[in-house]
Amino acid sequence: EALHSIIRAVPQPVIAKVRGFAIGG
């Protein structure tokens, strides 16, 4: 819950840079 919230709470855009598996969580 805290991890999901902080990604949304920080004022900067957050970019997911994805190589390989982005599975489950």
mmCIF file of all heavy atoms, coordinates in Angstrom:
data_MODEL
# 
_entry.id   MODEL 
# 
loop_
_atom_site.group_PDB 
_atom_site.id 
_atom_site.type_symbol 
_atom_site.label_atom_id 
_atom_site.label_alt_id 
_atom_site.label_comp_id 
_atom_site.label_asym_id 
_atom_site.label_entity_id 
_atom_site.label_seq_id 
_atom_site.pdbx_PDB_ins_code 
_atom_site.Cartn_x 
_atom_site.Cartn_y 
_atom_site.Cartn_z 
_atom_site.occupancy 
_atom_site.B_iso_or_equiv 
_atom_site.pdbx_formal_charge 
_atom_site.auth_seq_id 
_atom_site.auth_comp_id 
_atom_site.auth_asym_id 
_atom_site.auth_atom_id 
_atom_site.pdbx_PDB_model_num 
ATOM 1   N N   . GLU A 1 1  ? 0.833  -1.204  0.000   1.00 0.00 ? 1  GLU A N   1 
ATOM 2   C CA  . GLU A 1 1  ? 0.000  0.000   0.000   1.00 0.00 ? 1  GLU A CA  1 
ATOM 3   C C   . GLU A 1 1  ? 0.866  1.251   0.000   1.00 0.00 ? 1  GLU A C   1 
ATOM 4   O O   . GLU A 1 1  ? 0.636  2.186   -0.779  1.00 0.00 ? 1  GLU A O   1 
ATOM 5   C CB  . GLU A 1 1  ? -0.905 0.025   1.236   1.00 0.00 ? 1  GLU A CB  1 
ATOM 6   C CG  . GLU A 1 1  ? -2.013 -1.010  1.231   1.00 0.00 ? 1  GLU A CG  1 
ATOM 7   C CD  . GLU A 1 1  ? -2.690 -1.078  2.591   1.00 0.00 ? 1  GLU A CD  1 
ATOM 8   O OE1 . GLU A 1 1  ? -2.225 -1.856  3.448   1.00 0.00 ? 1  GLU A OE1 1 
ATOM 9   O OE2 . GLU A 1 1  ? -3.679 -0.359  2.781   1.00 0.00 ? 1  GLU A OE2 1 
ATOM 10  N N   . ALA A 1 2  ? 1.870  1.264   0.851   1.00 0.00 ? 2  ALA A N   1 
ATOM 11  C CA  . ALA A 1 2  ? 2.768  2.422   0.937   1.00 0.00 ? 2  ALA A CA  1 
ATOM 12  C C   . ALA A 1 2  ? 3.571  2.588   -0.344  1.00 0.00 ? 2  ALA A C   1 
ATOM 13  O O   . ALA A 1 2  ? 3.786  3.710   -0.819  1.00 0.00 ? 2  ALA A O   1 
ATOM 14  C CB  . ALA A 1 2  ? 3.700  2.267   2.134   1.00 0.00 ? 2  ALA A CB  1 
ATOM 15  N N   . LEU A 1 3  ? 4.020  1.465   -0.926  1.00 0.00 ? 3  LEU A N   1 
ATOM 16  C CA  . LEU A 1 3  ? 4.805  1.539   -2.153  1.00 0.00 ? 3  LEU A CA  1 
ATOM 17  C C   . LEU A 1 3  ? 3.967  2.067   -3.310  1.00 0.00 ? 3  LEU A C   1 
ATOM 18  O O   . LEU A 1 3  ? 4.405  2.939   -4.073  1.00 0.00 ? 3  LEU A O   1 
ATOM 19  C CB  . LEU A 1 3  ? 5.371  0.155   -2.483  1.00 0.00 ? 3  LEU A CB  1 
ATOM 20  C CG  . LEU A 1 3  ? 6.245  0.050   -3.731  1.00 0.00 ? 3  LEU A CG  1 
ATOM 21  C CD1 . LEU A 1 3  ? 7.405  1.032   -3.693  1.00 0.00 ? 3  LEU A CD1 1 
ATOM 22  C CD2 . LEU A 1 3  ? 6.745  -1.377  -3.901  1.00 0.00 ? 3  LEU A CD2 1 
ATOM 23  N N   . HIS A 1 4  ? 2.761  1.562   -3.455  1.00 0.00 ? 4  HIS A N   1 
ATOM 24  C CA  . HIS A 1 4  ? 1.874  2.058   -4.507  1.00 0.00 ? 4  HIS A CA  1 
ATOM 25  C C   . HIS A 1 4  ? 1.572  3.544   -4.293  1.00 0.00 ? 4  HIS A C   1 
ATOM 26  O O   . HIS A 1 4  ? 1.546  4.331   -5.248  1.00 0.00 ? 4  HIS A O   1 
ATOM 27  C CB  . HIS A 1 4  ? 0.568  1.267   -4.518  1.00 0.00 ? 4  HIS A CB  1 
ATOM 28  C CG  . HIS A 1 4  ? 0.742  -0.162  -4.918  1.00 0.00 ? 4  HIS A CG  1 
ATOM 29  N ND1 . HIS A 1 4  ? -0.279 -1.098  -4.836  1.00 0.00 ? 4  HIS A ND1 1 
ATOM 30  C CD2 . HIS A 1 4  ? 1.815  -0.839  -5.402  1.00 0.00 ? 4  HIS A CD2 1 
ATOM 31  C CE1 . HIS A 1 4  ? 0.167  -2.268  -5.255  1.00 0.00 ? 4  HIS A CE1 1 
ATOM 32  N NE2 . HIS A 1 4  ? 1.431  -2.145  -5.595  1.00 0.00 ? 4  HIS A NE2 1 
ATOM 33  N N   . SER A 1 5  ? 1.356  3.910   -3.044  1.00 0.00 ? 5  SER A N   1 
ATOM 34  C CA  . SER A 1 5  ? 1.011  5.299   -2.736  1.00 0.00 ? 5  SER A CA  1 
ATOM 35  C C   . SER A 1 5  ? 2.156  6.263   -3.044  1.00 0.00 ? 5  SER A C   1 
ATOM 36  O O   . SER A 1 5  ? 1.929  7.361   -3.560  1.00 0.00 ? 5  SER A O   1 
ATOM 37  C CB  . SER A 1 5  ? 0.611  5.438   -1.259  1.00 0.00 ? 5  SER A CB  1 
ATOM 38  O OG  . SER A 1 5  ? -0.596 4.769   -1.011  1.00 0.00 ? 5  SER A OG  1 
ATOM 39  N N   . ILE A 1 6  ? 3.403  5.859   -2.755  1.00 0.00 ? 6  ILE A N   1 
ATOM 40  C CA  . ILE A 1 6  ? 4.519  6.783   -2.959  1.00 0.00 ? 6  ILE A CA  1 
ATOM 41  C C   . ILE A 1 6  ? 4.772  7.028   -4.444  1.00 0.00 ? 6  ILE A C   1 
ATOM 42  O O   . ILE A 1 6  ? 5.152  8.128   -4.846  1.00 0.00 ? 6  ILE A O   1 
ATOM 43  C CB  . ILE A 1 6  ? 5.805  6.286   -2.252  1.00 0.00 ? 6  ILE A CB  1 
ATOM 44  C CG1 . ILE A 1 6  ? 6.865  7.386   -2.190  1.00 0.00 ? 6  ILE A CG1 1 
ATOM 45  C CG2 . ILE A 1 6  ? 6.378  5.063   -2.910  1.00 0.00 ? 6  ILE A CG2 1 
ATOM 46  C CD1 . ILE A 1 6  ? 6.507  8.565   -1.328  1.00 0.00 ? 6  ILE A CD1 1 
ATOM 47  N N   . ILE A 1 7  ? 4.540  6.014   -5.277  1.00 0.00 ? 7  ILE A N   1 
ATOM 48  C CA  . ILE A 1 7  ? 4.696  6.211   -6.722  1.00 0.00 ? 7  ILE A CA  1 
ATOM 49  C C   . ILE A 1 7  ? 3.713  7.267   -7.206  1.00 0.00 ? 7  ILE A C   1 
ATOM 50  O O   . ILE A 1 7  ? 4.039  8.103   -8.055  1.00 0.00 ? 7  ILE A O   1 
ATOM 51  C CB  . ILE A 1 7  ? 4.483  4.879   -7.475  1.00 0.00 ? 7  ILE A CB  1 
ATOM 52  C CG1 . ILE A 1 7  ? 5.644  3.921   -7.181  1.00 0.00 ? 7  ILE A CG1 1 
ATOM 53  C CG2 . ILE A 1 7  ? 4.364  5.105   -8.981  1.00 0.00 ? 7  ILE A CG2 1 
ATOM 54  C CD1 . ILE A 1 7  ? 5.433  2.516   -7.721  1.00 0.00 ? 7  ILE A CD1 1 
ATOM 55  N N   . ARG A 1 8  ? 2.513  7.263   -6.638  1.00 0.00 ? 8  ARG A N   1 
ATOM 56  C CA  . ARG A 1 8  ? 1.509  8.263   -7.003  1.00 0.00 ? 8  ARG A CA  1 
ATOM 57  C C   . ARG A 1 8  ? 1.737  9.600   -6.295  1.00 0.00 ? 8  ARG A C   1 
ATOM 58  O O   . ARG A 1 8  ? 1.385  10.654  -6.815  1.00 0.00 ? 8  ARG A O   1 
ATOM 59  C CB  . ARG A 1 8  ? 0.112  7.721   -6.673  1.00 0.00 ? 8  ARG A CB  1 
ATOM 60  C CG  . ARG A 1 8  ? -0.326 6.611   -7.593  1.00 0.00 ? 8  ARG A CG  1 
ATOM 61  C CD  . ARG A 1 8  ? -1.528 5.838   -7.045  1.00 0.00 ? 8  ARG A CD  1 
ATOM 62  N NE  . ARG A 1 8  ? -2.705 6.667   -6.804  1.00 0.00 ? 8  ARG A NE  1 
ATOM 63  C CZ  . ARG A 1 8  ? -3.618 6.965   -7.721  1.00 0.00 ? 8  ARG A CZ  1 
ATOM 64  N NH1 . ARG A 1 8  ? -3.473 6.522   -8.974  1.00 0.00 ? 8  ARG A NH1 1 
ATOM 65  N NH2 . ARG A 1 8  ? -4.678 7.687   -7.413  1.00 0.00 ? 8  ARG A NH2 1 
ATOM 66  N N   . ALA A 1 9  ? 2.332  9.559   -5.106  1.00 0.00 ? 9  ALA A N   1 
ATOM 67  C CA  . ALA A 1 9  ? 2.452  10.774  -4.292  1.00 0.00 ? 9  ALA A CA  1 
ATOM 68  C C   . ALA A 1 9  ? 3.589  11.685  -4.716  1.00 0.00 ? 9  ALA A C   1 
ATOM 69  O O   . ALA A 1 9  ? 3.485  12.902  -4.590  1.00 0.00 ? 9  ALA A O   1 
ATOM 70  C CB  . ALA A 1 9  ? 2.623  10.400  -2.820  1.00 0.00 ? 9  ALA A CB  1 
ATOM 71  N N   . VAL A 1 10 ? 4.699  11.106  -5.197  1.00 0.00 ? 10 VAL A N   1 
ATOM 72  C CA  . VAL A 1 10 ? 5.816  11.985  -5.570  1.00 0.00 ? 10 VAL A CA  1 
ATOM 73  C C   . VAL A 1 10 ? 5.363  12.903  -6.702  1.00 0.00 ? 10 VAL A C   1 
ATOM 74  O O   . VAL A 1 10 ? 4.619  12.476  -7.596  1.00 0.00 ? 10 VAL A O   1 
ATOM 75  C CB  . VAL A 1 10 ? 7.067  11.179  -5.985  1.00 0.00 ? 10 VAL A CB  1 
ATOM 76  C CG1 . VAL A 1 10 ? 7.656  10.444  -4.792  1.00 0.00 ? 10 VAL A CG1 1 
ATOM 77  C CG2 . VAL A 1 10 ? 6.779  10.214  -7.130  1.00 0.00 ? 10 VAL A CG2 1 
ATOM 78  N N   . PRO A 1 11 ? 5.783  14.175  -6.685  1.00 0.00 ? 11 PRO A N   1 
ATOM 79  C CA  . PRO A 1 11 ? 5.286  15.119  -7.677  1.00 0.00 ? 11 PRO A CA  1 
ATOM 80  C C   . PRO A 1 11 ? 5.853  14.923  -9.076  1.00 0.00 ? 11 PRO A C   1 
ATOM 81  O O   . PRO A 1 11 ? 5.279  15.411  -10.055 1.00 0.00 ? 11 PRO A O   1 
ATOM 82  C CB  . PRO A 1 11 ? 5.698  16.482  -7.104  1.00 0.00 ? 11 PRO A CB  1 
ATOM 83  C CG  . PRO A 1 11 ? 6.865  16.188  -6.212  1.00 0.00 ? 11 PRO A CG  1 
ATOM 84  C CD  . PRO A 1 11 ? 6.610  14.829  -5.644  1.00 0.00 ? 11 PRO A CD  1 
ATOM 85  N N   . GLN A 1 12 ? 6.970  14.201  -9.188  1.00 0.00 ? 12 GLN A N   1 
ATOM 86  C CA  . GLN A 1 12 ? 7.576  13.990  -10.503 1.00 0.00 ? 12 GLN A CA  1 
ATOM 87  C C   . GLN A 1 12 ? 6.896  12.837  -11.247 1.00 0.00 ? 12 GLN A C   1 
ATOM 88  O O   . GLN A 1 12 ? 6.357  11.915  -10.635 1.00 0.00 ? 12 GLN A O   1 
ATOM 89  C CB  . GLN A 1 12 ? 9.070  13.646  -10.362 1.00 0.00 ? 12 GLN A CB  1 
ATOM 90  C CG  . GLN A 1 12 ? 9.903  14.660  -9.626  1.00 0.00 ? 12 GLN A CG  1 
ATOM 91  C CD  . GLN A 1 12 ? 10.055 14.295  -8.167  1.00 0.00 ? 12 GLN A CD  1 
ATOM 92  O OE1 . GLN A 1 12 ? 9.166  13.679  -7.559  1.00 0.00 ? 12 GLN A OE1 1 
ATOM 93  N NE2 . GLN A 1 12 ? 11.163 14.682  -7.568  1.00 0.00 ? 12 GLN A NE2 1 
ATOM 94  N N   . PRO A 1 13 ? 6.962  12.862  -12.582 1.00 0.00 ? 13 PRO A N   1 
ATOM 95  C CA  . PRO A 1 13 ? 6.544  11.679  -13.333 1.00 0.00 ? 13 PRO A CA  1 
ATOM 96  C C   . PRO A 1 13 ? 7.475  10.511  -13.017 1.00 0.00 ? 13 PRO A C   1 
ATOM 97  O O   . PRO A 1 13 ? 8.683  10.692  -12.850 1.00 0.00 ? 13 PRO A O   1 
ATOM 98  C CB  . PRO A 1 13 ? 6.709  12.104  -14.804 1.00 0.00 ? 13 PRO A CB  1 
ATOM 99  C CG  . PRO A 1 13 ? 6.872  13.578  -14.793 1.00 0.00 ? 13 PRO A CG  1 
ATOM 100 C CD  . PRO A 1 13 ? 7.435  13.948  -13.464 1.00 0.00 ? 13 PRO A CD  1 
ATOM 101 N N   . VAL A 1 14 ? 6.907  9.318   -12.912 1.00 0.00 ? 14 VAL A N   1 
ATOM 102 C CA  . VAL A 1 14 ? 7.691  8.102   -12.703 1.00 0.00 ? 14 VAL A CA  1 
ATOM 103 C C   . VAL A 1 14 ? 7.580  7.255   -13.971 1.00 0.00 ? 14 VAL A C   1 
ATOM 104 O O   . VAL A 1 14 ? 6.473  6.934   -14.416 1.00 0.00 ? 14 VAL A O   1 
ATOM 105 C CB  . VAL A 1 14 ? 7.194  7.305   -11.489 1.00 0.00 ? 14 VAL A CB  1 
ATOM 106 C CG1 . VAL A 1 14 ? 8.039  6.038   -11.306 1.00 0.00 ? 14 VAL A CG1 1 
ATOM 107 C CG2 . VAL A 1 14 ? 7.237  8.155   -10.227 1.00 0.00 ? 14 VAL A CG2 1 
ATOM 108 N N   . ILE A 1 15 ? 8.730  6.923   -14.549 1.00 0.00 ? 15 ILE A N   1 
ATOM 109 C CA  . ILE A 1 15 ? 8.776  6.105   -15.762 1.00 0.00 ? 15 ILE A CA  1 
ATOM 110 C C   . ILE A 1 15 ? 9.191  4.692   -15.395 1.00 0.00 ? 15 ILE A C   1 
ATOM 111 O O   . ILE A 1 15 ? 10.227 4.484   -14.754 1.00 0.00 ? 15 ILE A O   1 
ATOM 112 C CB  . ILE A 1 15 ? 9.773  6.670   -16.793 1.00 0.00 ? 15 ILE A CB  1 
ATOM 113 C CG1 . ILE A 1 15 ? 9.349  8.070   -17.267 1.00 0.00 ? 15 ILE A CG1 1 
ATOM 114 C CG2 . ILE A 1 15 ? 9.899  5.725   -17.991 1.00 0.00 ? 15 ILE A CG2 1 
ATOM 115 C CD1 . ILE A 1 15 ? 10.332 8.706   -18.243 1.00 0.00 ? 15 ILE A CD1 1 
ATOM 116 N N   . ALA A 1 16 ? 8.401  3.710   -15.803 1.00 0.00 ? 16 ALA A N   1 
ATOM 117 C CA  . ALA A 1 16 ? 8.810  2.309   -15.685 1.00 0.00 ? 16 ALA A CA  1 
ATOM 118 C C   . ALA A 1 16 ? 9.616  1.956   -16.930 1.00 0.00 ? 16 ALA A C   1 
ATOM 119 O O   . ALA A 1 16 ? 9.106  2.050   -18.055 1.00 0.00 ? 16 ALA A O   1 
ATOM 120 C CB  . ALA A 1 16 ? 7.596  1.398   -15.565 1.00 0.00 ? 16 ALA A CB  1 
ATOM 121 N N   . LYS A 1 17 ? 10.875 1.581   -16.734 1.00 0.00 ? 17 LYS A N   1 
ATOM 122 C CA  . LYS A 1 17 ? 11.733 1.124   -17.837 1.00 0.00 ? 17 LYS A CA  1 
ATOM 123 C C   . LYS A 1 17 ? 11.774 -0.396  -17.760 1.00 0.00 ? 17 LYS A C   1 
ATOM 124 O O   . LYS A 1 17 ? 12.377 -0.960  -16.852 1.00 0.00 ? 17 LYS A O   1 
ATOM 125 C CB  . LYS A 1 17 ? 13.138 1.723   -17.723 1.00 0.00 ? 17 LYS A CB  1 
ATOM 126 C CG  . LYS A 1 17 ? 14.064 1.274   -18.832 1.00 0.00 ? 17 LYS A CG  1 
ATOM 127 C CD  . LYS A 1 17 ? 15.349 2.103   -18.905 1.00 0.00 ? 17 LYS A CD  1 
ATOM 128 C CE  . LYS A 1 17 ? 16.305 1.768   -17.791 1.00 0.00 ? 17 LYS A CE  1 
ATOM 129 N NZ  . LYS A 1 17 ? 17.630 2.422   -17.992 1.00 0.00 ? 17 LYS A NZ  1 
ATOM 130 N N   . VAL A 1 18 ? 11.123 -1.051  -18.717 1.00 0.00 ? 18 VAL A N   1 
ATOM 131 C CA  . VAL A 1 18 ? 10.851 -2.480  -18.594 1.00 0.00 ? 18 VAL A CA  1 
ATOM 132 C C   . VAL A 1 18 ? 11.649 -3.309  -19.598 1.00 0.00 ? 18 VAL A C   1 
ATOM 133 O O   . VAL A 1 18 ? 11.476 -3.165  -20.810 1.00 0.00 ? 18 VAL A O   1 
ATOM 134 C CB  . VAL A 1 18 ? 9.347  -2.773  -18.770 1.00 0.00 ? 18 VAL A CB  1 
ATOM 135 C CG1 . VAL A 1 18 ? 9.071  -4.262  -18.627 1.00 0.00 ? 18 VAL A CG1 1 
ATOM 136 C CG2 . VAL A 1 18 ? 8.531  -1.975  -17.751 1.00 0.00 ? 18 VAL A CG2 1 
ATOM 137 N N   . ARG A 1 19 ? 12.502 -4.159  -19.047 1.00 0.00 ? 19 ARG A N   1 
ATOM 138 C CA  . ARG A 1 19 ? 13.140 -5.231  -19.812 1.00 0.00 ? 19 ARG A CA  1 
ATOM 139 C C   . ARG A 1 19 ? 12.666 -6.558  -19.220 1.00 0.00 ? 19 ARG A C   1 
ATOM 140 O O   . ARG A 1 19 ? 12.538 -6.698  -18.017 1.00 0.00 ? 19 ARG A O   1 
ATOM 141 C CB  . ARG A 1 19 ? 14.662 -5.174  -19.674 1.00 0.00 ? 19 ARG A CB  1 
ATOM 142 C CG  . ARG A 1 19 ? 15.357 -4.154  -20.536 1.00 0.00 ? 19 ARG A CG  1 
ATOM 143 C CD  . ARG A 1 19 ? 16.866 -4.335  -20.479 1.00 0.00 ? 19 ARG A CD  1 
ATOM 144 N NE  . ARG A 1 19 ? 17.539 -3.419  -21.363 1.00 0.00 ? 19 ARG A NE  1 
ATOM 145 C CZ  . ARG A 1 19 ? 17.967 -2.204  -21.002 1.00 0.00 ? 19 ARG A CZ  1 
ATOM 146 N NH1 . ARG A 1 19 ? 17.806 -1.805  -19.747 1.00 0.00 ? 19 ARG A NH1 1 
ATOM 147 N NH2 . ARG A 1 19 ? 18.552 -1.419  -21.878 1.00 0.00 ? 19 ARG A NH2 1 
ATOM 148 N N   . GLY A 1 20 ? 12.428 -7.541  -20.065 1.00 0.00 ? 20 GLY A N   1 
ATOM 149 C CA  . GLY A 1 20 ? 12.073 -8.851  -19.552 1.00 0.00 ? 20 GLY A CA  1 
ATOM 150 C C   . GLY A 1 20 ? 10.702 -8.866  -18.897 1.00 0.00 ? 20 GLY A C   1 
ATOM 151 O O   . GLY A 1 20 ? 9.778  -8.166  -19.313 1.00 0.00 ? 20 GLY A O   1 
ATOM 152 N N   . PHE A 1 21 ? 10.582 -9.659  -17.844 1.00 0.00 ? 21 PHE A N   1 
ATOM 153 C CA  . PHE A 1 21 ? 9.279  -9.913  -17.235 1.00 0.00 ? 21 PHE A CA  1 
ATOM 154 C C   . PHE A 1 21 ? 8.804  -8.770  -16.338 1.00 0.00 ? 21 PHE A C   1 
ATOM 155 O O   . PHE A 1 21 ? 9.517  -8.333  -15.446 1.00 0.00 ? 21 PHE A O   1 
ATOM 156 C CB  . PHE A 1 21 ? 9.333  -11.189 -16.391 1.00 0.00 ? 21 PHE A CB  1 
ATOM 157 C CG  . PHE A 1 21 ? 9.654  -12.434 -17.171 1.00 0.00 ? 21 PHE A CG  1 
ATOM 158 C CD1 . PHE A 1 21 ? 10.838 -13.123 -16.931 1.00 0.00 ? 21 PHE A CD1 1 
ATOM 159 C CD2 . PHE A 1 21 ? 8.783  -12.911 -18.129 1.00 0.00 ? 21 PHE A CD2 1 
ATOM 160 C CE1 . PHE A 1 21 ? 11.141 -14.282 -17.648 1.00 0.00 ? 21 PHE A CE1 1 
ATOM 161 C CE2 . PHE A 1 21 ? 9.072  -14.062 -18.854 1.00 0.00 ? 21 PHE A CE2 1 
ATOM 162 C CZ  . PHE A 1 21 ? 10.260 -14.745 -18.614 1.00 0.00 ? 21 PHE A CZ  1 
ATOM 163 N N   . ALA A 1 22 ? 7.580  -8.316  -16.589 1.00 0.00 ? 22 ALA A N   1 
ATOM 164 C CA  . ALA A 1 22 ? 6.857  -7.445  -15.660 1.00 0.00 ? 22 ALA A CA  1 
ATOM 165 C C   . ALA A 1 22 ? 5.602  -8.222  -15.292 1.00 0.00 ? 22 ALA A C   1 
ATOM 166 O O   . ALA A 1 22 ? 4.540  -8.074  -15.906 1.00 0.00 ? 22 ALA A O   1 
ATOM 167 C CB  . ALA A 1 22 ? 6.508  -6.105  -16.302 1.00 0.00 ? 22 ALA A CB  1 
ATOM 168 N N   . ILE A 1 23 ? 5.754  -9.109  -14.323 1.00 0.00 ? 23 ILE A N   1 
ATOM 169 C CA  . ILE A 1 23 ? 4.737  -10.118 -14.024 1.00 0.00 ? 23 ILE A CA  1 
ATOM 170 C C   . ILE A 1 23 ? 4.260  -9.954  -12.580 1.00 0.00 ? 23 ILE A C   1 
ATOM 171 O O   . ILE A 1 23 ? 5.026  -9.579  -11.694 1.00 0.00 ? 23 ILE A O   1 
ATOM 172 C CB  . ILE A 1 23 ? 5.320  -11.533 -14.216 1.00 0.00 ? 23 ILE A CB  1 
ATOM 173 C CG1 . ILE A 1 23 ? 5.814  -11.725 -15.658 1.00 0.00 ? 23 ILE A CG1 1 
ATOM 174 C CG2 . ILE A 1 23 ? 4.303  -12.612 -13.855 1.00 0.00 ? 23 ILE A CG2 1 
ATOM 175 C CD1 . ILE A 1 23 ? 4.736  -11.729 -16.713 1.00 0.00 ? 23 ILE A CD1 1 
ATOM 176 N N   . GLY A 1 24 ? 2.986  -10.255 -12.337 1.00 0.00 ? 24 GLY A N   1 
ATOM 177 C CA  . GLY A 1 24 ? 2.450  -10.203 -10.980 1.00 0.00 ? 24 GLY A CA  1 
ATOM 178 C C   . GLY A 1 24 ? 2.539  -8.800  -10.403 1.00 0.00 ? 24 GLY A C   1 
ATOM 179 O O   . GLY A 1 24 ? 2.110  -7.822  -11.019 1.00 0.00 ? 24 GLY A O   1 
ATOM 180 N N   . GLY A 1 25 ? 3.128  -8.709  -9.190  1.00 0.00 ? 25 GLY A N   1 
ATOM 181 C CA  . GLY A 1 25 ? 3.297  -7.397  -8.566  1.00 0.00 ? 25 GLY A CA  1 
ATOM 182 C C   . GLY A 1 25 ? 4.174  -6.468  -9.375  1.00 0.00 ? 25 GLY A C   1 
ATOM 183 O O   . GLY A 1 25 ? 4.065  -5.241  -9.266  1.00 0.00 ? 25 GLY A O   1 
# 
